[in-house]
Amino acid sequence: MAVMEQADRIFLRDHVLSADIGAFQSERGLEQRLRFNITVDLRHSVSGSDDHVDHILSYDVLTQAVTTALADQRYNLVETLAEKIAAEVLAHPRAAEVAVTVEKLDRGPGALGVSITRRAARLDATGVTAEPVIMVHAEGAPLPEGGLIIVPQPPGLPLPKGGNDRRIALLAMDQAAWALAGALQLEVAETRTELDAAALSGQQVVWAPSRLAADEAAAGQTAESLGIWLAMRLQARSLIFALPKDAPLPKVDDQLHASIERITLP
């Protein structure tokens, strides 16, 4: 008789956070430590990931599921919290099954809690998405407060000829991203996973576009076209262009639902 192959798994162990939780009056207004353990059965083997972070279920999905669930409401029961976390994880298309354990560490002489196992898409997630703010940068432009994905301008240097001109231009944009990130003391993000994590955490990052956009001809190779493409790809809530006073706003696709803003350069 054939033996079914065990699904590949990723897990989060002993993740401890504090929260106001509990059904008793003595627990209200008092934060207590919670320990989270999450194990996810994957739909597909990690052997097909090609060592690319966008081809796997990132561990950030697990920690973000906990953060999102805790931010959704105050819970009386760890059981309800565990259900919410399971729903958030199973909203990811690469998750087939999830086991969630939530334990209270300050309520008794030992850990008190619940373990649940749920299969894909059985529960409703809260619907929290990244919805980032994207800015097409220009030299001298001030950065808005809060989370931001910054698209750099090309470095303005002669590019080598004789190869794939668009790919070479995108690699030059990568160099510009690293230079701008160094000047602004920010991190560089190359992958969809890194961009989503930055948006969800409210981080400011500079995007190096070649890894995501090299095989997407529709993305173009200018900072403006790349910014518009990325805003559509990530379902951004806002797209900001830093432009000289008399420069018109770039034409955007009708399918882009982000609000369009401008920062006028001095």
Protein backbone atom coordinates (compact mmCIF):
# COMPACT_ATOMS: atom_id res chain seq x y z
CA MET A 1 0.00 0.00 0.00
CA ALA A 2 1.39 3.40 -0.99
CA VAL A 3 2.46 5.67 1.81
CA MET A 4 1.45 9.32 1.54
CA GLU A 5 4.39 11.68 1.65
CA GLN A 6 4.42 14.06 4.61
CA ALA A 7 3.94 17.69 3.60
CA ASP A 8 6.83 20.07 4.10
CA ARG A 9 6.34 22.29 7.14
CA ILE A 10 7.51 25.60 8.49
CA PHE A 11 7.07 26.64 12.09
CA LEU A 12 7.31 29.39 14.68
CA ARG A 13 8.34 28.33 18.18
CA ASP A 14 8.11 30.08 21.55
CA HIS A 15 7.08 33.49 20.25
CA VAL A 16 6.17 35.46 23.40
CA LEU A 17 4.17 38.70 23.40
CA SER A 18 2.12 40.54 26.02
CA ALA A 19 -1.55 41.42 25.55
CA ASP A 20 -4.67 42.41 27.48
CA ILE A 21 -6.71 39.21 27.30
CA GLY A 22 -9.09 37.23 29.49
CA ALA A 23 -12.74 36.83 30.43
CA PHE A 24 -12.37 37.60 34.15
CA GLN A 25 -12.61 41.13 35.53
CA SER A 26 -9.27 40.60 37.28
CA GLU A 27 -7.64 40.21 33.84
CA ARG A 28 -9.02 43.36 32.25
CA GLY A 29 -6.57 46.20 31.82
CA LEU A 30 -3.71 43.93 32.78
CA GLU A 31 -1.31 42.65 30.13
CA GLN A 32 -0.11 39.08 30.46
CA ARG A 33 2.41 37.07 28.53
CA LEU A 34 1.22 34.80 25.72
CA ARG A 35 3.34 32.15 24.02
CA PHE A 36 2.59 31.24 20.40
CA ASN A 37 3.61 28.10 18.52
CA ILE A 38 2.53 27.74 14.89
CA THR A 39 3.19 24.90 12.45
CA VAL A 40 2.11 25.14 8.80
CA ASP A 41 1.83 22.28 6.30
CA LEU A 42 2.72 23.65 2.88
CA ARG A 43 0.82 22.97 -0.34
CA HIS A 44 4.04 22.49 -2.30
CA SER A 45 7.49 21.18 -1.47
CA VAL A 46 10.18 23.71 -0.66
CA SER A 47 12.42 21.90 -3.15
CA GLY A 48 10.80 23.89 -5.95
CA SER A 49 11.56 27.30 -4.44
CA ASP A 50 14.80 27.87 -6.41
CA ASP A 51 16.22 29.52 -3.28
CA HIS A 52 13.89 32.51 -3.90
CA VAL A 53 12.03 33.98 -0.93
CA ASP A 54 8.99 34.87 -3.05
CA HIS A 55 8.50 31.20 -3.90
CA ILE A 56 7.93 30.07 -0.32
CA LEU A 57 5.68 30.93 2.58
CA SER A 58 7.79 33.40 4.53
CA TYR A 59 8.19 33.08 8.29
CA ASP A 60 7.06 36.71 8.43
CA VAL A 61 3.56 35.46 7.54
CA LEU A 62 3.46 33.61 10.86
CA THR A 63 4.64 36.47 13.06
CA GLN A 64 2.43 38.93 11.16
CA ALA A 65 -0.59 36.64 11.65
CA VAL A 66 -0.10 36.94 15.41
CA THR A 67 0.36 40.72 15.22
CA THR A 68 -2.69 41.19 12.97
CA ALA A 69 -4.93 39.01 15.13
CA LEU A 70 -3.92 40.80 18.33
CA ALA A 71 -4.54 44.19 16.70
CA ASP A 72 -8.02 43.17 15.52
CA GLN A 73 -9.74 43.23 18.92
CA ARG A 74 -9.42 42.50 22.65
CA TYR A 75 -10.05 38.80 23.30
CA ASN A 76 -11.76 37.12 26.21
CA LEU A 77 -10.61 33.67 25.11
CA VAL A 78 -7.31 32.33 23.80
CA GLU A 79 -9.47 29.96 21.73
CA THR A 80 -10.86 32.88 19.71
CA LEU A 81 -7.40 34.35 19.28
CA ALA A 82 -6.07 31.02 18.01
CA GLU A 83 -8.89 30.87 15.45
CA LYS A 84 -8.03 34.35 14.20
CA ILE A 85 -4.36 33.47 13.83
CA ALA A 86 -5.21 30.29 11.93
CA ALA A 87 -7.43 32.30 9.57
CA GLU A 88 -4.66 34.79 8.84
CA VAL A 89 -2.15 32.05 8.02
CA LEU A 90 -4.60 30.09 5.86
CA ALA A 91 -5.34 33.21 3.82
CA HIS A 92 -1.90 32.64 2.26
CA PRO A 93 -2.20 30.47 -0.89
CA ARG A 94 0.83 28.33 0.02
CA ALA A 95 -0.63 27.20 3.37
CA ALA A 96 -2.54 23.90 3.39
CA GLU A 97 -3.01 23.31 7.12
CA VAL A 98 -2.03 25.12 10.28
CA ALA A 99 -1.70 24.12 13.92
CA VAL A 100 -1.81 26.99 16.41
CA THR A 101 -1.06 26.83 20.13
CA VAL A 102 -1.68 29.86 22.36
CA GLU A 103 -0.65 29.69 26.01
CA LYS A 104 -1.08 32.06 28.94
CA LEU A 105 2.12 32.14 30.95
CA ASP A 106 1.04 34.29 33.91
CA ARG A 107 -2.33 32.81 34.85
CA GLY A 108 -1.31 29.73 36.85
CA PRO A 109 1.59 27.68 38.10
CA GLY A 110 2.29 26.54 34.52
CA ALA A 111 1.24 27.37 30.98
CA LEU A 112 -2.51 27.30 30.25
CA GLY A 113 -3.77 27.33 26.71
CA VAL A 114 -5.30 25.77 23.64
CA SER A 115 -4.11 23.98 20.47
CA ILE A 116 -6.17 23.93 17.29
CA THR A 117 -5.64 22.54 13.78
CA ARG A 118 -7.41 24.01 10.76
CA ARG A 119 -7.29 23.30 7.03
CA ALA A 120 -7.04 25.81 4.19
CA ALA A 121 -9.59 28.58 3.78
CA ARG A 122 -12.01 27.17 6.37
CA LEU A 123 -11.96 30.43 8.31
CA ASP A 124 -12.40 34.07 7.37
CA ALA A 125 -9.31 36.22 7.70
CA THR A 126 -9.57 39.80 8.90
CA GLY A 127 -8.65 41.07 5.44
CA VAL A 128 -5.72 43.16 6.65
CA THR A 129 -3.39 43.82 3.72
CA ALA A 130 -0.24 45.83 3.29
CA GLU A 131 -1.65 48.64 1.05
CA PRO A 132 1.70 50.44 0.93
CA VAL A 133 2.54 54.03 0.11
CA ILE A 134 4.95 54.25 -2.85
CA MET A 135 7.06 57.28 -3.69
CA VAL A 136 8.91 57.93 -6.94
CA HIS A 137 11.90 59.76 -5.55
CA ALA A 138 13.88 62.72 -6.85
CA GLU A 139 16.99 64.34 -5.43
CA GLY A 140 16.17 66.82 -2.69
CA ALA A 141 12.64 65.55 -2.10
CA PRO A 142 11.56 65.30 1.56
CA LEU A 143 10.25 61.93 2.68
CA PRO A 144 6.74 61.70 4.15
CA GLU A 145 6.34 60.23 7.62
CA GLY A 146 5.47 56.58 8.08
CA GLY A 147 5.87 53.46 5.99
CA LEU A 148 7.12 54.07 2.48
CA ILE A 149 8.49 52.18 -0.53
CA ILE A 150 10.85 54.48 -2.42
CA VAL A 151 11.51 54.05 -6.14
CA PRO A 152 14.91 55.57 -7.05
CA GLN A 153 15.75 57.54 -10.15
CA PRO A 154 18.27 56.08 -12.65
CA PRO A 155 21.88 56.96 -11.82
CA GLY A 156 22.27 59.14 -14.94
CA LEU A 157 25.40 57.35 -16.14
CA PRO A 158 26.15 55.94 -19.63
CA LEU A 159 25.01 52.33 -19.82
CA PRO A 160 26.92 49.58 -21.62
CA LYS A 161 25.61 48.60 -25.06
CA GLY A 162 25.31 45.28 -26.79
CA GLY A 163 23.21 43.36 -24.28
CA ASN A 164 19.65 43.43 -23.03
CA ASP A 165 19.23 47.20 -22.74
CA ARG A 166 16.23 47.03 -20.41
CA ARG A 167 17.83 44.55 -18.04
CA ILE A 168 20.99 46.65 -17.94
CA ALA A 169 18.89 49.74 -17.15
CA LEU A 170 17.16 47.90 -14.31
CA LEU A 171 20.49 46.75 -12.88
CA ALA A 172 21.60 50.40 -12.95
CA MET A 173 18.43 51.22 -11.01
CA ASP A 174 19.47 48.60 -8.46
CA GLN A 175 22.79 50.42 -8.04
CA ALA A 176 20.92 53.67 -7.59
CA ALA A 177 18.72 52.01 -4.96
CA TRP A 178 21.70 50.90 -2.90
CA ALA A 179 23.31 54.34 -3.19
CA LEU A 180 20.08 56.11 -2.15
CA ALA A 181 19.49 53.69 0.72
CA GLY A 182 22.99 54.37 1.99
CA ALA A 183 22.46 58.13 1.83
CA LEU A 184 19.09 57.89 3.61
CA GLN A 185 20.26 55.16 6.04
CA LEU A 186 17.45 52.84 4.95
CA GLU A 187 17.29 49.20 3.93
CA VAL A 188 16.96 47.93 0.36
CA ALA A 189 14.05 45.63 -0.55
CA GLU A 190 14.24 43.45 -3.66
CA THR A 191 11.50 40.82 -3.29
CA ARG A 192 7.72 40.90 -2.90
CA THR A 193 8.11 39.29 0.52
CA GLU A 194 10.47 42.06 1.68
CA LEU A 195 8.17 44.77 0.32
CA ASP A 196 5.07 43.30 1.99
CA ALA A 197 6.89 42.91 5.30
CA ALA A 198 8.12 46.51 5.17
CA ALA A 199 4.64 47.84 4.37
CA LEU A 200 2.99 45.84 7.15
CA SER A 201 5.56 46.98 9.70
CA GLY A 202 5.47 50.66 8.64
CA GLN A 203 9.11 50.60 7.56
CA GLN A 204 10.71 52.86 4.97
CA VAL A 205 12.72 51.00 2.32
CA VAL A 206 14.25 51.66 -1.09
CA TRP A 207 13.18 49.28 -3.86
CA ALA A 208 15.80 47.66 -6.11
CA PRO A 209 13.56 46.70 -9.05
CA SER A 210 15.46 44.24 -11.25
CA ARG A 211 14.53 41.08 -9.40
CA LEU A 212 10.78 41.68 -9.61
CA ALA A 213 10.51 43.68 -12.81
CA ALA A 214 13.13 42.16 -15.15
CA ASP A 215 10.65 39.74 -16.75
CA GLU A 216 7.73 42.20 -16.68
CA ALA A 217 7.96 44.31 -19.83
CA ALA A 218 4.85 46.25 -18.80
CA ALA A 219 6.81 47.66 -15.85
CA GLY A 220 8.98 49.72 -18.18
CA GLN A 221 12.35 50.97 -17.00
CA THR A 222 11.82 54.55 -15.88
CA ALA A 223 11.27 55.40 -12.24
CA GLU A 224 7.77 56.66 -13.05
CA SER A 225 6.66 53.57 -14.99
CA LEU A 226 8.16 51.26 -12.38
CA GLY A 227 6.40 53.16 -9.60
CA ILE A 228 3.04 52.88 -11.37
CA TRP A 229 3.57 49.16 -12.07
CA LEU A 230 4.58 48.46 -8.47
CA ALA A 231 1.60 50.42 -7.13
CA MET A 232 -0.72 48.24 -9.20
CA ARG A 233 1.11 45.04 -8.26
CA LEU A 234 1.00 45.77 -4.52
CA GLN A 235 -2.45 47.45 -4.56
CA ALA A 236 -0.93 50.56 -3.03
CA ARG A 237 -3.19 53.03 -1.29
CA SER A 238 -1.10 56.02 -2.41
CA LEU A 239 1.45 56.80 -5.12
CA ILE A 240 3.56 59.92 -4.65
CA PHE A 241 5.60 61.62 -7.37
CA ALA A 242 8.37 64.08 -6.47
CA LEU A 243 8.39 66.54 -9.38
CA PRO A 244 9.60 70.02 -10.35
CA LYS A 245 7.02 72.77 -10.04
CA ASP A 246 5.96 72.88 -13.70
CA ALA A 247 6.22 69.15 -14.46
CA PRO A 248 2.90 67.38 -15.12
CA LEU A 249 1.90 64.26 -13.26
CA PRO A 250 2.68 61.09 -15.21
CA LYS A 251 -0.28 59.38 -16.87
CA VAL A 252 -1.42 56.41 -14.81
CA ASP A 253 -3.36 53.28 -15.77
CA ASP A 254 -7.12 53.43 -15.25
CA GLN A 255 -6.88 50.20 -13.25
CA LEU A 256 -4.70 51.87 -10.60
CA HIS A 257 -6.89 52.62 -7.58
CA ALA A 258 -4.22 54.35 -5.50
CA SER A 259 -4.58 58.03 -4.72
CA ILE A 260 -2.06 60.11 -6.70
CA GLU A 261 -0.11 62.80 -4.85
CA ARG A 262 2.80 65.03 -5.68
CA ILE A 263 5.66 66.62 -3.79
CA THR A 264 6.88 69.80 -5.51
CA LEU A 265 10.65 70.11 -5.52
CA PRO A 266 12.23 73.38 -4.43
